Amino acid sequence: MRAKKKDLTKNDREAILQQLMAHLVDNKKLIRGALNKIALDFGVHRGTVQRVWKRANVDLDNKLRPCSDVSSRKKGHSGRNLKHENVANRLKAVVECGFQQLDESDVNAKFDQLAVEVTEAMEMSEFSSQLEKLIVNDELKEDAGVELDELLDLCSLL
């Protein structure tokens, strides 16, 4: 009794398929006993040869692709799953695009732009808080004659 053989290689599967195609009758059916004969030649079970034949899905009328791929479906789908596969893809993209180094002047320009944006945000925050105080105190409704810039003390902001 021989030891259990590992999975068939791609070359073995293709060789089995070639043998099966050589045993076709009228380009449609296999001759009687072809599966058993080929199974004995390759030292595999008849069901294995039958499975290769069904996966090939032979159609000789189709000139572009007469049969499907019979290689193993395990390749690429077995083993542990990568936890951070998207991180690996992003790192590859960075390497492919090349590393962009910023000059000192570029960094200074970015900091200046950020400082301006922060200052504007702070001014808007202060303005809105003063406006909320007026609304809460109902000063806007009571003193219709008073100018809004005096109430908000806009001169101090400028």
C-alpha atoms as a PDB file:
ATOM      1  CA  MET A   1       0.000   0.000   0.000  1.00  0.00           C
ATOM      2  CA  ARG A   2       1.434   3.353  -0.987  1.00  0.00           C
ATOM      3  CA  ALA A   3       1.389   6.490   1.099  1.00  0.00           C
ATOM      4  CA  LYS A   4      -1.296   9.056   0.383  1.00  0.00           C
ATOM      5  CA  LYS A   5      -0.140  11.290  -2.432  1.00  0.00           C
ATOM      6  CA  LYS A   6      -0.254  15.054  -2.089  1.00  0.00           C
ATOM      7  CA  ASP A   7      -2.437  17.169  -4.343  1.00  0.00           C
ATOM      8  CA  LEU A   8      -1.923  16.939  -8.076  1.00  0.00           C
ATOM      9  CA  THR A   9       0.377  19.555  -9.551  1.00  0.00           C
ATOM     10  CA  LYS A  10      -0.751  21.856 -12.317  1.00  0.00           C
ATOM     11  CA  ASN A  11       1.327  19.904 -14.824  1.00  0.00           C
ATOM     12  CA  ASP A  12      -0.264  16.615 -13.715  1.00  0.00           C
ATOM     13  CA  ARG A  13      -3.748  18.067 -14.088  1.00  0.00           C
ATOM     14  CA  GLU A  14      -2.960  19.397 -17.563  1.00  0.00           C
ATOM     15  CA  ALA A  15      -1.449  16.048 -18.581  1.00  0.00           C
ATOM     16  CA  ILE A  16      -4.605  14.254 -17.393  1.00  0.00           C
ATOM     17  CA  LEU A  17      -6.713  16.708 -19.398  1.00  0.00           C
ATOM     18  CA  GLN A  18      -4.580  16.139 -22.524  1.00  0.00           C
ATOM     19  CA  GLN A  19      -4.998  12.375 -22.151  1.00  0.00           C
ATOM     20  CA  LEU A  20      -8.743  12.788 -21.728  1.00  0.00           C
ATOM     21  CA  MET A  21      -9.001  14.966 -24.827  1.00  0.00           C
ATOM     22  CA  ALA A  22      -7.099  12.314 -26.774  1.00  0.00           C
ATOM     23  CA  HIS A  23      -9.818   9.808 -25.795  1.00  0.00           C
ATOM     24  CA  LEU A  24     -12.711  11.883 -27.160  1.00  0.00           C
ATOM     25  CA  VAL A  25     -15.101  10.336 -29.676  1.00  0.00           C
ATOM     26  CA  ASP A  26     -16.622  12.707 -32.254  1.00  0.00           C
ATOM     27  CA  ASN A  27     -15.346  15.669 -30.186  1.00  0.00           C
ATOM     28  CA  LYS A  28     -18.204  15.095 -27.731  1.00  0.00           C
ATOM     29  CA  LYS A  29     -17.896  12.048 -25.473  1.00  0.00           C
ATOM     30  CA  LEU A  30     -15.142  10.055 -23.836  1.00  0.00           C
ATOM     31  CA  ILE A  31     -14.684   6.442 -24.876  1.00  0.00           C
ATOM     32  CA  ARG A  32     -15.830   3.812 -22.412  1.00  0.00           C
ATOM     33  CA  GLY A  33     -13.273   3.121 -19.680  1.00  0.00           C
ATOM     34  CA  ALA A  34     -11.156   6.215 -20.419  1.00  0.00           C
ATOM     35  CA  LEU A  35     -11.432   7.528 -16.857  1.00  0.00           C
ATOM     36  CA  ASN A  36     -10.299   4.217 -15.334  1.00  0.00           C
ATOM     37  CA  LYS A  37      -7.410   3.821 -17.799  1.00  0.00           C
ATOM     38  CA  ILE A  38      -6.062   7.329 -17.193  1.00  0.00           C
ATOM     39  CA  ALA A  39      -6.535   6.959 -13.425  1.00  0.00           C
ATOM     40  CA  LEU A  40      -4.351   3.829 -13.498  1.00  0.00           C
ATOM     41  CA  ASP A  41      -1.722   5.579 -15.648  1.00  0.00           C
ATOM     42  CA  PHE A  42      -1.400   8.480 -13.198  1.00  0.00           C
ATOM     43  CA  GLY A  43      -1.915   6.472 -10.014  1.00  0.00           C
ATOM     44  CA  VAL A  44      -4.954   8.415  -8.826  1.00  0.00           C
ATOM     45  CA  HIS A  45      -8.579   7.554  -8.122  1.00  0.00           C
ATOM     46  CA  ARG A  46     -11.089   7.543 -10.971  1.00  0.00           C
ATOM     47  CA  GLY A  47     -13.064  10.276  -9.186  1.00  0.00           C
ATOM     48  CA  THR A  48     -10.030  12.567  -9.316  1.00  0.00           C
ATOM     49  CA  VAL A  49      -9.803  12.191 -13.095  1.00  0.00           C
ATOM     50  CA  GLN A  50     -13.553  12.742 -13.368  1.00  0.00           C
ATOM     51  CA  ARG A  51     -13.278  15.917 -11.275  1.00  0.00           C
ATOM     52  CA  VAL A  52     -10.512  17.261 -13.567  1.00  0.00           C
ATOM     53  CA  TRP A  53     -12.694  16.503 -16.594  1.00  0.00           C
ATOM     54  CA  LYS A  54     -15.716  18.289 -15.128  1.00  0.00           C
ATOM     55  CA  ARG A  55     -13.622  21.317 -14.149  1.00  0.00           C
ATOM     56  CA  ALA A  56     -12.234  21.551 -17.685  1.00  0.00           C
ATOM     57  CA  ASN A  57     -15.761  21.892 -19.065  1.00  0.00           C
ATOM     58  CA  VAL A  58     -14.546  21.036 -22.570  1.00  0.00           C
ATOM     59  CA  ASP A  59     -16.318  22.755 -25.465  1.00  0.00           C
ATOM     60  CA  LEU A  60     -14.458  22.185 -28.722  1.00  0.00           C
ATOM     61  CA  ASP A  61     -16.937  24.368 -30.625  1.00  0.00           C
ATOM     62  CA  ASN A  62     -15.486  27.396 -28.845  1.00  0.00           C
ATOM     63  CA  LYS A  63     -12.352  28.286 -30.817  1.00  0.00           C
ATOM     64  CA  LEU A  64     -11.039  30.918 -28.394  1.00  0.00           C
ATOM     65  CA  ARG A  65     -11.193  28.852 -25.209  1.00  0.00           C
ATOM     66  CA  PRO A  66     -12.018  25.170 -25.661  1.00  0.00           C
ATOM     67  CA  CYS A  67     -11.649  24.319 -21.951  1.00  0.00           C
ATOM     68  CA  SER A  68     -11.440  25.987 -18.553  1.00  0.00           C
ATOM     69  CA  ASP A  69      -8.414  26.197 -16.282  1.00  0.00           C
ATOM     70  CA  VAL A  70      -7.816  23.014 -14.280  1.00  0.00           C
ATOM     71  CA  SER A  71      -5.088  24.280 -11.950  1.00  0.00           C
ATOM     72  CA  SER A  72      -5.556  23.981  -8.203  1.00  0.00           C
ATOM     73  CA  ARG A  73      -7.991  26.361  -6.559  1.00  0.00           C
ATOM     74  CA  LYS A  74      -6.114  26.165  -3.263  1.00  0.00           C
ATOM     75  CA  LYS A  75      -3.254  28.360  -4.433  1.00  0.00           C
ATOM     76  CA  GLY A  76      -3.742  31.876  -3.125  1.00  0.00           C
ATOM     77  CA  HIS A  77      -6.724  30.902  -0.966  1.00  0.00           C
ATOM     78  CA  SER A  78      -4.971  28.875   1.708  1.00  0.00           C
ATOM     79  CA  GLY A  79      -2.864  29.898   4.660  1.00  0.00           C
ATOM     80  CA  ARG A  80      -3.353  32.623   7.185  1.00  0.00           C
ATOM     81  CA  ASN A  81      -5.103  35.827   6.279  1.00  0.00           C
ATOM     82  CA  LEU A  82      -3.102  39.013   6.466  1.00  0.00           C
ATOM     83  CA  LYS A  83      -4.402  41.280   9.198  1.00  0.00           C
ATOM     84  CA  HIS A  84      -3.251  44.534   7.705  1.00  0.00           C
ATOM     85  CA  GLU A  85      -3.368  43.832   3.986  1.00  0.00           C
ATOM     86  CA  ASN A  86      -4.562  47.346   3.154  1.00  0.00           C
ATOM     87  CA  VAL A  87      -1.578  48.832   5.014  1.00  0.00           C
ATOM     88  CA  ALA A  88       0.778  46.751   2.905  1.00  0.00           C
ATOM     89  CA  ASN A  89      -0.948  47.938  -0.279  1.00  0.00           C
ATOM     90  CA  ARG A  90      -0.718  51.574   0.814  1.00  0.00           C
ATOM     91  CA  LEU A  91       2.986  51.211   1.585  1.00  0.00           C
ATOM     92  CA  LYS A  92       3.552  49.716  -1.858  1.00  0.00           C
ATOM     93  CA  ALA A  93       1.736  52.672  -3.407  1.00  0.00           C
ATOM     94  CA  VAL A  94       3.975  55.111  -1.519  1.00  0.00           C
ATOM     95  CA  VAL A  95       7.089  53.356  -2.751  1.00  0.00           C
ATOM     96  CA  GLU A  96       5.783  53.253  -6.330  1.00  0.00           C
ATOM     97  CA  CYS A  97       4.914  56.957  -6.337  1.00  0.00           C
ATOM     98  CA  GLY A  98       8.227  57.865  -4.761  1.00  0.00           C
ATOM     99  CA  PHE A  99       8.868  59.668  -1.536  1.00  0.00           C
ATOM    100  CA  GLN A 100       8.229  63.384  -1.716  1.00  0.00           C
ATOM    101  CA  GLN A 101      10.467  65.413   0.534  1.00  0.00           C
ATOM    102  CA  LEU A 102       9.398  68.891   1.528  1.00  0.00           C
ATOM    103  CA  ASP A 103      11.908  71.722   1.490  1.00  0.00           C
ATOM    104  CA  GLU A 104      12.273  73.950   4.529  1.00  0.00           C
ATOM    105  CA  SER A 105      10.538  76.763   2.651  1.00  0.00           C
ATOM    106  CA  ASP A 106       7.573  74.469   1.879  1.00  0.00           C
ATOM    107  CA  VAL A 107       7.265  73.519   5.542  1.00  0.00           C
ATOM    108  CA  ASN A 108       7.405  77.172   6.617  1.00  0.00           C
ATOM    109  CA  ALA A 109       4.728  78.074   4.064  1.00  0.00           C
ATOM    110  CA  LYS A 110       2.477  75.288   5.379  1.00  0.00           C
ATOM    111  CA  PHE A 111       2.956  76.491   8.972  1.00  0.00           C
ATOM    112  CA  ASP A 112       2.143  80.081   7.964  1.00  0.00           C
ATOM    113  CA  GLN A 113      -1.007  78.951   6.168  1.00  0.00           C
ATOM    114  CA  LEU A 114      -2.053  76.895   9.186  1.00  0.00           C
ATOM    115  CA  ALA A 115      -1.454  79.859  11.529  1.00  0.00           C
ATOM    116  CA  VAL A 116      -3.697  82.094   9.395  1.00  0.00           C
ATOM    117  CA  GLU A 117      -6.472  79.482   9.402  1.00  0.00           C
ATOM    118  CA  VAL A 118      -6.251  79.061  13.185  1.00  0.00           C
ATOM    119  CA  THR A 119      -6.369  82.833  13.725  1.00  0.00           C
ATOM    120  CA  GLU A 120      -9.461  83.167  11.530  1.00  0.00           C
ATOM    121  CA  ALA A 121     -11.146  80.323  13.382  1.00  0.00           C
ATOM    122  CA  MET A 122     -10.391  81.939  16.752  1.00  0.00           C
ATOM    123  CA  GLU A 123     -11.818  85.280  15.586  1.00  0.00           C
ATOM    124  CA  MET A 124     -14.994  83.584  14.358  1.00  0.00           C
ATOM    125  CA  SER A 125     -15.299  81.754  17.650  1.00  0.00           C
ATOM    126  CA  GLU A 126     -14.937  84.980  19.635  1.00  0.00           C
ATOM    127  CA  PHE A 127     -17.444  86.755  17.380  1.00  0.00           C
ATOM    128  CA  SER A 128     -20.018  83.993  17.756  1.00  0.00           C
ATOM    129  CA  SER A 129     -19.601  83.859  21.539  1.00  0.00           C
ATOM    130  CA  GLN A 130     -20.227  87.646  21.793  1.00  0.00           C
ATOM    131  CA  LEU A 131     -23.257  87.289  19.559  1.00  0.00           C
ATOM    132  CA  GLU A 132     -24.604  84.514  21.788  1.00  0.00           C
ATOM    133  CA  LYS A 133     -24.177  86.726  24.854  1.00  0.00           C
ATOM    134  CA  LEU A 134     -26.264  89.434  23.173  1.00  0.00           C
ATOM    135  CA  ILE A 135     -28.966  86.987  22.228  1.00  0.00           C
ATOM    136  CA  VAL A 136     -29.083  85.554  25.748  1.00  0.00           C
ATOM    137  CA  ASN A 137     -29.255  89.013  27.326  1.00  0.00           C
ATOM    138  CA  ASP A 138     -31.837  90.189  24.755  1.00  0.00           C
ATOM    139  CA  GLU A 139     -29.775  93.308  24.123  1.00  0.00           C
ATOM    140  CA  LEU A 140     -30.379  93.095  20.391  1.00  0.00           C
ATOM    141  CA  LYS A 141     -34.149  93.439  20.794  1.00  0.00           C
ATOM    142  CA  GLU A 142     -34.123  96.157  23.471  1.00  0.00           C
ATOM    143  CA  ASP A 143     -31.668  98.628  21.930  1.00  0.00           C
ATOM    144  CA  ALA A 144     -32.658  98.847  18.292  1.00  0.00           C
ATOM    145  CA  GLY A 145     -30.898 102.208  17.937  1.00  0.00           C
ATOM    146  CA  VAL A 146     -27.527 100.952  19.174  1.00  0.00           C
ATOM    147  CA  GLU A 147     -25.138  99.944  16.447  1.00  0.00           C
ATOM    148  CA  LEU A 148     -24.270  96.256  16.244  1.00  0.00           C
ATOM    149  CA  ASP A 149     -20.531  96.902  16.011  1.00  0.00           C
ATOM    150  CA  GLU A 150     -20.646  98.825  19.301  1.00  0.00           C
ATOM    151  CA  LEU A 151     -22.466  95.982  21.012  1.00  0.00           C
ATOM    152  CA  LEU A 152     -20.070  93.382  19.706  1.00  0.00           C
ATOM    153  CA  ASP A 153     -17.027  95.552  20.266  1.00  0.00           C
ATOM    154  CA  LEU A 154     -15.782  94.762  16.765  1.00  0.00           C
ATOM    155  CA  CYS A 155     -13.144  97.475  16.938  1.00  0.00           C
ATOM    156  CA  SER A 156     -11.165  95.378  19.439  1.00  0.00           C
ATOM    157  CA  LEU A 157     -11.160  92.419  17.050  1.00  0.00           C
ATOM    158  CA  LEU A 158      -9.697  94.432  14.213  1.00  0.00           C
END
